[in-house]
Amino acid sequence: MTSTTASRWLMLLCFATLFSGCAVLRQPEPPNLSIVDVRLQDMTLFEQRYRMTLRISNPNDFELPVERVHYEIFLEGDLFAEGNSVGSFVVPALGENRFDVIVSSSLLRTARHAANLMQGGRDQLDYEMKGFAVVDLPFAGRVPFSDSGSLQMPTPRR
């Protein structure tokens, strides 16, 4: 094989590699995150700890290897919790995954939200969640997300 032919094959191989990687090099669409469940885990006089289950949905046609998720959760416009997920996980292409986070709240914050619910005769809290997912893909880095909705409060048993 001559050096010219070898150069052409090498150039063709480089272009094929470059173009086959284009799907991975594009910026991913932001994932959708939503709150699935909130459960009281521990309560002391001054602090409550909750286990919150979050769902992350991937709108992309390729999997998202997530290193961590940073989130801020607001209830009725006030910051309720913020933090990071623990451990990495993969969200399948056009699929979803769930993960748990532990969040803490002060007695004062929790009492204020409970009082607002009782005064307004409401049985749900409006929430907003925003943050970013750190994705382990070339040129992706931090992929922002935001979500809002309502959390239904349990009705007291009689």
N, C-alpha and C. Protein backbone atom coordinates (compact mmCIF):
# COMPACT_ATOMS: atom_id res chain seq x y z
N MET A 1 0.85 -1.15 0.00
CA MET A 1 0.00 0.00 0.00
C MET A 1 0.90 1.23 0.00
N THR A 2 0.58 2.19 -0.83
CA THR A 2 1.41 3.39 -0.91
C THR A 2 1.04 4.32 0.23
N SER A 3 1.89 5.30 0.45
CA SER A 3 1.64 6.23 1.56
C SER A 3 0.42 7.10 1.26
N THR A 4 0.12 7.38 -0.03
CA THR A 4 -1.05 8.17 -0.40
C THR A 4 -2.32 7.39 -0.09
N THR A 5 -2.34 6.12 -0.44
CA THR A 5 -3.51 5.29 -0.16
C THR A 5 -3.71 5.14 1.34
N ALA A 6 -2.62 4.94 2.07
CA ALA A 6 -2.72 4.82 3.53
C ALA A 6 -3.23 6.12 4.14
N SER A 7 -2.81 7.25 3.62
CA SER A 7 -3.28 8.55 4.12
C SER A 7 -4.77 8.72 3.88
N ARG A 8 -5.24 8.29 2.69
CA ARG A 8 -6.67 8.41 2.38
C ARG A 8 -7.50 7.52 3.31
N TRP A 9 -7.05 6.30 3.55
CA TRP A 9 -7.77 5.41 4.45
C TRP A 9 -7.80 5.98 5.87
N LEU A 10 -6.68 6.56 6.30
CA LEU A 10 -6.61 7.14 7.63
C LEU A 10 -7.56 8.34 7.75
N MET A 11 -7.61 9.17 6.70
CA MET A 11 -8.51 10.32 6.69
C MET A 11 -9.97 9.85 6.69
N LEU A 12 -10.28 8.83 5.90
CA LEU A 12 -11.64 8.29 5.86
C LEU A 12 -12.03 7.73 7.23
N LEU A 13 -11.11 7.03 7.86
CA LEU A 13 -11.38 6.48 9.19
C LEU A 13 -11.62 7.60 10.20
N CYS A 14 -10.85 8.69 10.13
CA CYS A 14 -11.03 9.83 11.04
C CYS A 14 -12.40 10.48 10.84
N PHE A 15 -12.81 10.69 9.59
CA PHE A 15 -14.13 11.27 9.32
C PHE A 15 -15.25 10.36 9.81
N ALA A 16 -15.12 9.07 9.59
CA ALA A 16 -16.15 8.13 10.03
C ALA A 16 -16.26 8.15 11.55
N THR A 17 -15.13 8.20 12.23
CA THR A 17 -15.14 8.27 13.68
C THR A 17 -15.75 9.57 14.17
N LEU A 18 -15.40 10.66 13.53
CA LEU A 18 -15.92 11.97 13.91
C LEU A 18 -17.43 12.02 13.73
N PHE A 19 -17.94 11.59 12.60
CA PHE A 19 -19.37 11.67 12.33
C PHE A 19 -20.17 10.65 13.14
N SER A 20 -19.59 9.53 13.45
CA SER A 20 -20.32 8.56 14.28
C SER A 20 -20.45 9.05 15.71
N GLY A 21 -19.56 9.92 16.13
CA GLY A 21 -19.62 10.46 17.48
C GLY A 21 -20.44 11.71 17.61
N CYS A 22 -21.02 12.23 16.54
CA CYS A 22 -21.77 13.48 16.59
C CYS A 22 -22.98 13.39 17.51
N ALA A 23 -23.64 12.27 17.57
CA ALA A 23 -24.81 12.13 18.44
C ALA A 23 -24.41 12.30 19.89
N VAL A 24 -23.25 11.80 20.25
CA VAL A 24 -22.78 11.90 21.62
C VAL A 24 -22.28 13.31 21.92
N LEU A 25 -21.78 14.02 20.90
CA LEU A 25 -21.22 15.34 21.11
C LEU A 25 -22.27 16.44 21.20
N ARG A 26 -23.49 16.20 20.81
CA ARG A 26 -24.49 17.26 20.87
C ARG A 26 -24.94 17.47 22.31
N GLN A 27 -25.38 18.69 22.59
CA GLN A 27 -25.85 19.03 23.93
C GLN A 27 -27.15 18.29 24.22
N PRO A 28 -27.24 17.57 25.33
CA PRO A 28 -28.47 16.83 25.62
C PRO A 28 -29.63 17.78 25.95
N GLU A 29 -30.84 17.33 25.62
CA GLU A 29 -32.04 18.04 26.07
C GLU A 29 -32.10 17.90 27.59
N PRO A 30 -32.60 18.93 28.27
CA PRO A 30 -32.66 18.84 29.74
C PRO A 30 -33.56 17.69 30.18
N PRO A 31 -33.13 16.95 31.21
CA PRO A 31 -33.99 15.89 31.74
C PRO A 31 -35.16 16.52 32.49
N ASN A 32 -36.21 15.74 32.67
CA ASN A 32 -37.36 16.17 33.45
C ASN A 32 -37.26 15.51 34.82
N LEU A 33 -37.36 16.30 35.87
CA LEU A 33 -37.35 15.76 37.22
C LEU A 33 -38.68 16.07 37.89
N SER A 34 -39.18 15.14 38.65
CA SER A 34 -40.41 15.37 39.39
C SER A 34 -40.33 14.62 40.71
N ILE A 35 -41.11 15.11 41.68
CA ILE A 35 -41.18 14.49 42.99
C ILE A 35 -42.20 13.36 42.92
N VAL A 36 -41.79 12.16 43.30
CA VAL A 36 -42.66 10.99 43.27
C VAL A 36 -43.26 10.73 44.66
N ASP A 37 -42.44 10.87 45.70
CA ASP A 37 -42.90 10.52 47.03
C ASP A 37 -42.09 11.29 48.06
N VAL A 38 -42.72 11.62 49.19
CA VAL A 38 -42.07 12.26 50.32
C VAL A 38 -42.50 11.51 51.58
N ARG A 39 -41.54 11.03 52.34
CA ARG A 39 -41.84 10.30 53.57
C ARG A 39 -40.99 10.85 54.72
N LEU A 40 -41.64 11.06 55.85
CA LEU A 40 -40.93 11.49 57.04
C LEU A 40 -40.03 10.35 57.49
N GLN A 41 -38.75 10.64 57.66
CA GLN A 41 -37.81 9.60 58.06
C GLN A 41 -37.45 9.72 59.54
N ASP A 42 -37.27 10.96 60.00
CA ASP A 42 -36.84 11.16 61.38
C ASP A 42 -37.31 12.55 61.81
N MET A 43 -37.67 12.69 63.08
CA MET A 43 -38.12 13.98 63.57
C MET A 43 -37.57 14.22 64.96
N THR A 44 -36.97 15.39 65.14
CA THR A 44 -36.56 15.85 66.47
C THR A 44 -37.28 17.15 66.72
N LEU A 45 -37.02 17.74 67.86
CA LEU A 45 -37.70 18.98 68.20
C LEU A 45 -37.40 20.10 67.19
N PHE A 46 -36.20 20.15 66.66
CA PHE A 46 -35.82 21.26 65.80
C PHE A 46 -35.64 20.90 64.33
N GLU A 47 -35.67 19.61 64.00
CA GLU A 47 -35.39 19.23 62.61
C GLU A 47 -36.22 18.02 62.20
N GLN A 48 -36.66 18.05 60.96
CA GLN A 48 -37.32 16.90 60.35
C GLN A 48 -36.48 16.47 59.16
N ARG A 49 -36.35 15.15 58.99
CA ARG A 49 -35.62 14.60 57.84
C ARG A 49 -36.60 13.78 57.03
N TYR A 50 -36.60 14.02 55.73
CA TYR A 50 -37.51 13.34 54.81
C TYR A 50 -36.73 12.55 53.79
N ARG A 51 -37.26 11.41 53.40
CA ARG A 51 -36.73 10.66 52.24
C ARG A 51 -37.63 11.05 51.07
N MET A 52 -37.03 11.68 50.08
CA MET A 52 -37.77 12.14 48.92
C MET A 52 -37.34 11.32 47.71
N THR A 53 -38.31 10.73 47.03
CA THR A 53 -38.03 9.98 45.81
C THR A 53 -38.28 10.89 44.62
N LEU A 54 -37.27 10.99 43.77
CA LEU A 54 -37.35 11.82 42.57
C LEU A 54 -37.31 10.93 41.34
N ARG A 55 -38.03 11.32 40.31
CA ARG A 55 -38.00 10.63 39.02
C ARG A 55 -37.27 11.55 38.03
N ILE A 56 -36.32 10.96 37.32
CA ILE A 56 -35.63 11.68 36.25
C ILE A 56 -35.96 10.98 34.93
N SER A 57 -36.50 11.75 33.99
CA SER A 57 -36.87 11.22 32.67
C SER A 57 -35.94 11.80 31.63
N ASN A 58 -35.49 10.95 30.72
CA ASN A 58 -34.54 11.34 29.68
C ASN A 58 -35.27 11.49 28.35
N PRO A 59 -35.39 12.73 27.81
CA PRO A 59 -36.06 12.93 26.53
C PRO A 59 -35.15 12.68 25.33
N ASN A 60 -33.90 12.29 25.56
CA ASN A 60 -32.92 12.10 24.50
C ASN A 60 -32.94 10.67 23.96
N ASP A 61 -32.47 10.52 22.73
CA ASP A 61 -32.42 9.18 22.13
C ASP A 61 -31.08 8.49 22.41
N PHE A 62 -30.40 8.93 23.47
CA PHE A 62 -29.18 8.29 23.94
C PHE A 62 -29.20 8.33 25.47
N GLU A 63 -28.51 7.38 26.10
CA GLU A 63 -28.54 7.30 27.55
C GLU A 63 -27.77 8.46 28.17
N LEU A 64 -28.17 8.84 29.38
CA LEU A 64 -27.51 9.90 30.13
C LEU A 64 -26.80 9.30 31.34
N PRO A 65 -25.47 9.26 31.33
CA PRO A 65 -24.75 8.82 32.53
C PRO A 65 -24.64 10.00 33.50
N VAL A 66 -25.44 9.98 34.56
CA VAL A 66 -25.52 11.09 35.50
C VAL A 66 -24.55 10.85 36.65
N GLU A 67 -23.64 11.79 36.86
CA GLU A 67 -22.71 11.69 37.98
C GLU A 67 -23.35 12.13 39.27
N ARG A 68 -24.14 13.22 39.21
CA ARG A 68 -24.88 13.69 40.37
C ARG A 68 -25.93 14.68 39.91
N VAL A 69 -26.88 14.93 40.80
CA VAL A 69 -27.93 15.91 40.55
C VAL A 69 -27.89 16.91 41.70
N HIS A 70 -27.82 18.19 41.37
CA HIS A 70 -27.94 19.25 42.37
C HIS A 70 -29.33 19.84 42.24
N TYR A 71 -30.03 20.01 43.34
CA TYR A 71 -31.41 20.46 43.29
C TYR A 71 -31.69 21.49 44.38
N GLU A 72 -32.68 22.33 44.11
CA GLU A 72 -33.27 23.23 45.10
C GLU A 72 -34.77 23.01 45.01
N ILE A 73 -35.42 22.85 46.14
CA ILE A 73 -36.86 22.63 46.17
C ILE A 73 -37.51 23.76 46.96
N PHE A 74 -38.47 24.40 46.34
CA PHE A 74 -39.20 25.50 46.96
C PHE A 74 -40.63 25.05 47.21
N LEU A 75 -41.14 25.31 48.42
CA LEU A 75 -42.55 25.07 48.73
C LEU A 75 -43.21 26.42 48.95
N GLU A 76 -44.28 26.65 48.21
CA GLU A 76 -45.01 27.92 48.31
C GLU A 76 -44.06 29.11 48.16
N GLY A 77 -43.05 28.96 47.30
CA GLY A 77 -42.12 30.05 47.02
C GLY A 77 -40.93 30.16 47.96
N ASP A 78 -40.93 29.42 49.07
CA ASP A 78 -39.82 29.47 50.03
C ASP A 78 -38.91 28.28 49.84
N LEU A 79 -37.60 28.51 49.96
CA LEU A 79 -36.64 27.41 49.86
C LEU A 79 -36.92 26.40 50.97
N PHE A 80 -37.17 25.16 50.58
CA PHE A 80 -37.45 24.08 51.53
C PHE A 80 -36.23 23.20 51.73
N ALA A 81 -35.56 22.85 50.64
CA ALA A 81 -34.41 21.95 50.72
C ALA A 81 -33.52 22.14 49.51
N GLU A 82 -32.26 21.82 49.70
CA GLU A 82 -31.32 21.79 48.58
C GLU A 82 -30.27 20.75 48.89
N GLY A 83 -29.65 20.24 47.85
CA GLY A 83 -28.63 19.24 48.06
C GLY A 83 -28.21 18.57 46.78
N ASN A 84 -27.52 17.45 46.95
CA ASN A 84 -27.00 16.67 45.83
C ASN A 84 -27.38 15.21 46.00
N SER A 85 -27.62 14.55 44.88
CA SER A 85 -27.83 13.11 44.93
C SER A 85 -26.53 12.44 45.32
N VAL A 86 -26.63 11.22 45.80
CA VAL A 86 -25.44 10.47 46.20
C VAL A 86 -25.27 9.33 45.21
N GLY A 87 -24.10 9.24 44.61
CA GLY A 87 -23.82 8.16 43.67
C GLY A 87 -24.25 8.50 42.25
N SER A 88 -23.66 7.80 41.33
CA SER A 88 -23.98 8.01 39.91
C SER A 88 -24.97 6.94 39.45
N PHE A 89 -25.63 7.22 38.33
CA PHE A 89 -26.58 6.28 37.75
C PHE A 89 -26.76 6.63 36.28
N VAL A 90 -27.38 5.73 35.55
CA VAL A 90 -27.61 5.93 34.12
C VAL A 90 -29.11 5.98 33.87
N VAL A 91 -29.53 6.97 33.08
CA VAL A 91 -30.93 7.08 32.68
C VAL A 91 -30.99 6.60 31.23
N PRO A 92 -31.76 5.54 30.95
CA PRO A 92 -31.78 4.99 29.60
C PRO A 92 -32.35 5.97 28.58
N ALA A 93 -31.99 5.77 27.32
CA ALA A 93 -32.52 6.61 26.24
C ALA A 93 -34.04 6.56 26.26
N LEU A 94 -34.67 7.72 26.23
CA LEU A 94 -36.13 7.85 26.23
C LEU A 94 -36.77 7.11 27.41
N GLY A 95 -36.01 6.96 28.50
CA GLY A 95 -36.49 6.23 29.67
C GLY A 95 -36.42 7.07 30.92
N GLU A 96 -36.52 6.41 32.04
CA GLU A 96 -36.50 7.11 33.31
C GLU A 96 -35.81 6.28 34.38
N ASN A 97 -35.50 6.94 35.47
CA ASN A 97 -34.88 6.30 36.62
C ASN A 97 -35.39 7.02 37.86
N ARG A 98 -35.37 6.37 39.00
CA ARG A 98 -35.75 6.98 40.26
C ARG A 98 -34.57 6.93 41.21
N PHE A 99 -34.48 7.93 42.07
CA PHE A 99 -33.45 7.92 43.09
C PHE A 99 -33.98 8.65 44.31
N ASP A 100 -33.44 8.29 45.47
CA ASP A 100 -33.85 8.89 46.73
C ASP A 100 -32.83 9.91 47.19
N VAL A 101 -33.31 10.95 47.84
CA VAL A 101 -32.46 11.94 48.50
C VAL A 101 -33.02 12.15 49.90
N ILE A 102 -32.16 12.50 50.82
CA ILE A 102 -32.58 12.84 52.17
C ILE A 102 -32.52 14.36 52.29
N VAL A 103 -33.63 14.96 52.70
CA VAL A 103 -33.68 16.42 52.86
C VAL A 103 -34.06 16.73 54.30
N SER A 104 -33.60 17.86 54.77
CA SER A 104 -33.89 18.29 56.13
C SER A 104 -34.65 19.60 56.10
N SER A 105 -35.47 19.79 57.11
CA SER A 105 -36.22 21.03 57.24
C SER A 105 -36.27 21.40 58.71
N SER A 106 -36.32 22.68 59.00
CA SER A 106 -36.40 23.12 60.39
C SER A 106 -37.85 23.11 60.86
N LEU A 107 -38.04 23.03 62.15
CA LEU A 107 -39.37 23.06 62.73
C LEU A 107 -40.09 24.34 62.34
N LEU A 108 -39.40 25.46 62.34
CA LEU A 108 -40.01 26.74 62.01
C LEU A 108 -40.55 26.74 60.57
N ARG A 109 -39.75 26.24 59.64
CA ARG A 109 -40.18 26.18 58.23
C ARG A 109 -41.39 25.27 58.06
N THR A 110 -41.33 24.10 58.67
CA THR A 110 -42.43 23.14 58.55
C THR A 110 -43.71 23.69 59.18
N ALA A 111 -43.59 24.31 60.35
CA ALA A 111 -44.76 24.87 61.03
C ALA A 111 -45.38 26.00 60.20
N ARG A 112 -44.56 26.81 59.58
CA ARG A 112 -45.08 27.91 58.75
C ARG A 112 -45.89 27.36 57.58
N HIS A 113 -45.40 26.33 56.91
CA HIS A 113 -46.14 25.74 55.79
C HIS A 113 -47.43 25.08 56.27
N ALA A 114 -47.38 24.40 57.41
CA ALA A 114 -48.59 23.75 57.94
C ALA A 114 -49.64 24.80 58.31
N ALA A 115 -49.21 25.91 58.91
CA ALA A 115 -50.14 26.97 59.27
C ALA A 115 -50.78 27.58 58.03
N ASN A 116 -49.99 27.79 56.99
CA ASN A 116 -50.53 28.35 55.73
C ASN A 116 -51.57 27.40 55.13
N LEU A 117 -51.32 26.11 55.19
CA LEU A 117 -52.28 25.14 54.67
C LEU A 117 -53.59 25.17 55.44
N MET A 118 -53.48 25.20 56.77
CA MET A 118 -54.69 25.18 57.59
C MET A 118 -55.50 26.46 57.43
N GLN A 119 -54.82 27.59 57.37
CA GLN A 119 -55.52 28.87 57.23
C GLN A 119 -56.24 28.96 55.89
N GLY A 120 -55.61 28.47 54.86
CA GLY A 120 -56.19 28.57 53.52
C GLY A 120 -57.15 27.44 53.20
N GLY A 121 -57.30 26.48 54.10
CA GLY A 121 -58.19 25.35 53.84
C GLY A 121 -57.74 24.51 52.65
N ARG A 122 -56.46 24.49 52.40
CA ARG A 122 -55.92 23.76 51.24
C ARG A 122 -55.40 22.40 51.66
N ASP A 123 -55.36 21.48 50.71
CA ASP A 123 -54.83 20.15 50.99
C ASP A 123 -53.63 19.83 50.10
N GLN A 124 -53.02 20.86 49.51
CA GLN A 124 -51.84 20.63 48.67
C GLN A 124 -50.88 21.82 48.78
N LEU A 125 -49.62 21.54 48.54
CA LEU A 125 -48.56 22.54 48.53
C LEU A 125 -48.02 22.67 47.11
N ASP A 126 -47.85 23.90 46.64
CA ASP A 126 -47.21 24.11 45.36
C ASP A 126 -45.70 24.03 45.55
N TYR A 127 -45.04 23.35 44.62
CA TYR A 127 -43.59 23.25 44.70
C TYR A 127 -42.95 23.65 43.38
N GLU A 128 -41.71 24.03 43.47
CA GLU A 128 -40.87 24.27 42.29
C GLU A 128 -39.53 23.62 42.59
N MET A 129 -39.00 22.92 41.62
CA MET A 129 -37.70 22.27 41.76
C MET A 129 -36.84 22.71 40.59
N LYS A 130 -35.63 23.14 40.90
CA LYS A 130 -34.70 23.50 39.83
C LYS A 130 -33.29 23.12 40.24
N GLY A 131 -32.45 23.00 39.24
CA GLY A 131 -31.08 22.62 39.50
C GLY A 131 -30.41 22.17 38.22
N PHE A 132 -29.46 21.24 38.37
CA PHE A 132 -28.75 20.73 37.20
C PHE A 132 -28.29 19.30 37.45
N ALA A 133 -28.16 18.57 36.36
CA ALA A 133 -27.58 17.23 36.40
C ALA A 133 -26.18 17.32 35.81
N VAL A 134 -25.20 16.75 36.48
CA VAL A 134 -23.85 16.68 35.94
C VAL A 134 -23.78 15.39 35.14
N VAL A 135 -23.65 15.54 33.81
CA VAL A 135 -23.73 14.41 32.89
C VAL A 135 -22.33 14.10 32.37
N ASP A 136 -21.97 12.82 32.39
CA ASP A 136 -20.65 12.37 31.95
C ASP A 136 -20.66 12.07 30.45
N LEU A 137 -20.84 13.13 29.66
CA LEU A 137 -20.75 13.05 28.20
C LEU A 137 -19.85 14.19 27.73
N PRO A 138 -19.12 14.00 26.62
CA PRO A 138 -18.27 15.09 26.13
C PRO A 138 -19.07 16.36 25.89
N PHE A 139 -18.58 17.46 26.41
CA PHE A 139 -19.14 18.80 26.21
C PHE A 139 -20.51 19.00 26.85
N ALA A 140 -21.00 18.07 27.65
CA ALA A 140 -22.33 18.23 28.25
C ALA A 140 -22.23 18.96 29.58
N GLY A 141 -21.39 18.47 30.49
CA GLY A 141 -21.23 19.13 31.78
C GLY A 141 -22.51 19.20 32.57
N ARG A 142 -22.89 20.43 32.93
CA ARG A 142 -24.10 20.67 33.72
C ARG A 142 -25.29 20.88 32.79
N VAL A 143 -26.31 20.07 32.97
CA VAL A 143 -27.52 20.19 32.17
C VAL A 143 -28.63 20.67 33.11
N PRO A 144 -29.15 21.90 32.91
CA PRO A 144 -30.15 22.44 33.84
C PRO A 144 -31.51 21.78 33.68
N PHE A 145 -32.32 21.85 34.74
CA PHE A 145 -33.70 21.36 34.70
C PHE A 145 -34.55 22.23 35.61
N SER A 146 -35.85 22.19 35.41
CA SER A 146 -36.79 22.83 36.32
C SER A 146 -38.13 22.11 36.20
N ASP A 147 -38.89 22.12 37.28
CA ASP A 147 -40.19 21.47 37.31
C ASP A 147 -41.02 22.16 38.38
N SER A 148 -42.32 22.14 38.22
CA SER A 148 -43.21 22.67 39.25
C SER A 148 -44.48 21.85 39.26
N GLY A 149 -45.18 21.89 40.37
CA GLY A 149 -46.41 21.13 40.49
C GLY A 149 -46.97 21.29 41.89
N SER A 150 -47.80 20.35 42.29
CA SER A 150 -48.43 20.37 43.61
C SER A 150 -48.24 19.04 44.30
N LEU A 151 -48.03 19.09 45.59
CA LEU A 151 -47.93 17.89 46.41
C LEU A 151 -49.20 17.77 47.22
N GLN A 152 -49.89 16.64 47.10
CA GLN A 152 -51.11 16.38 47.84
C GLN A 152 -50.74 16.01 49.27
N MET A 153 -51.34 16.70 50.22
CA MET A 153 -51.07 16.41 51.62
C MET A 153 -52.00 15.29 52.10
N PRO A 154 -51.49 14.39 52.93
CA PRO A 154 -52.34 13.31 53.43
C PRO A 154 -53.46 13.88 54.31
N THR A 155 -54.62 13.29 54.22
CA THR A 155 -55.72 13.73 55.07
C THR A 155 -55.63 13.01 56.40
N PRO A 156 -55.92 13.72 57.48
CA PRO A 156 -55.83 13.08 58.81
C PRO A 156 -56.89 11.98 58.95
N ARG A 157 -56.52 10.90 59.62
CA ARG A 157 -57.45 9.81 59.87
C ARG A 157 -58.31 10.16 61.07
N ARG A 158 -59.56 9.77 61.02
CA ARG A 158 -60.47 10.07 62.15
C ARG A 158 -60.86 8.82 62.86
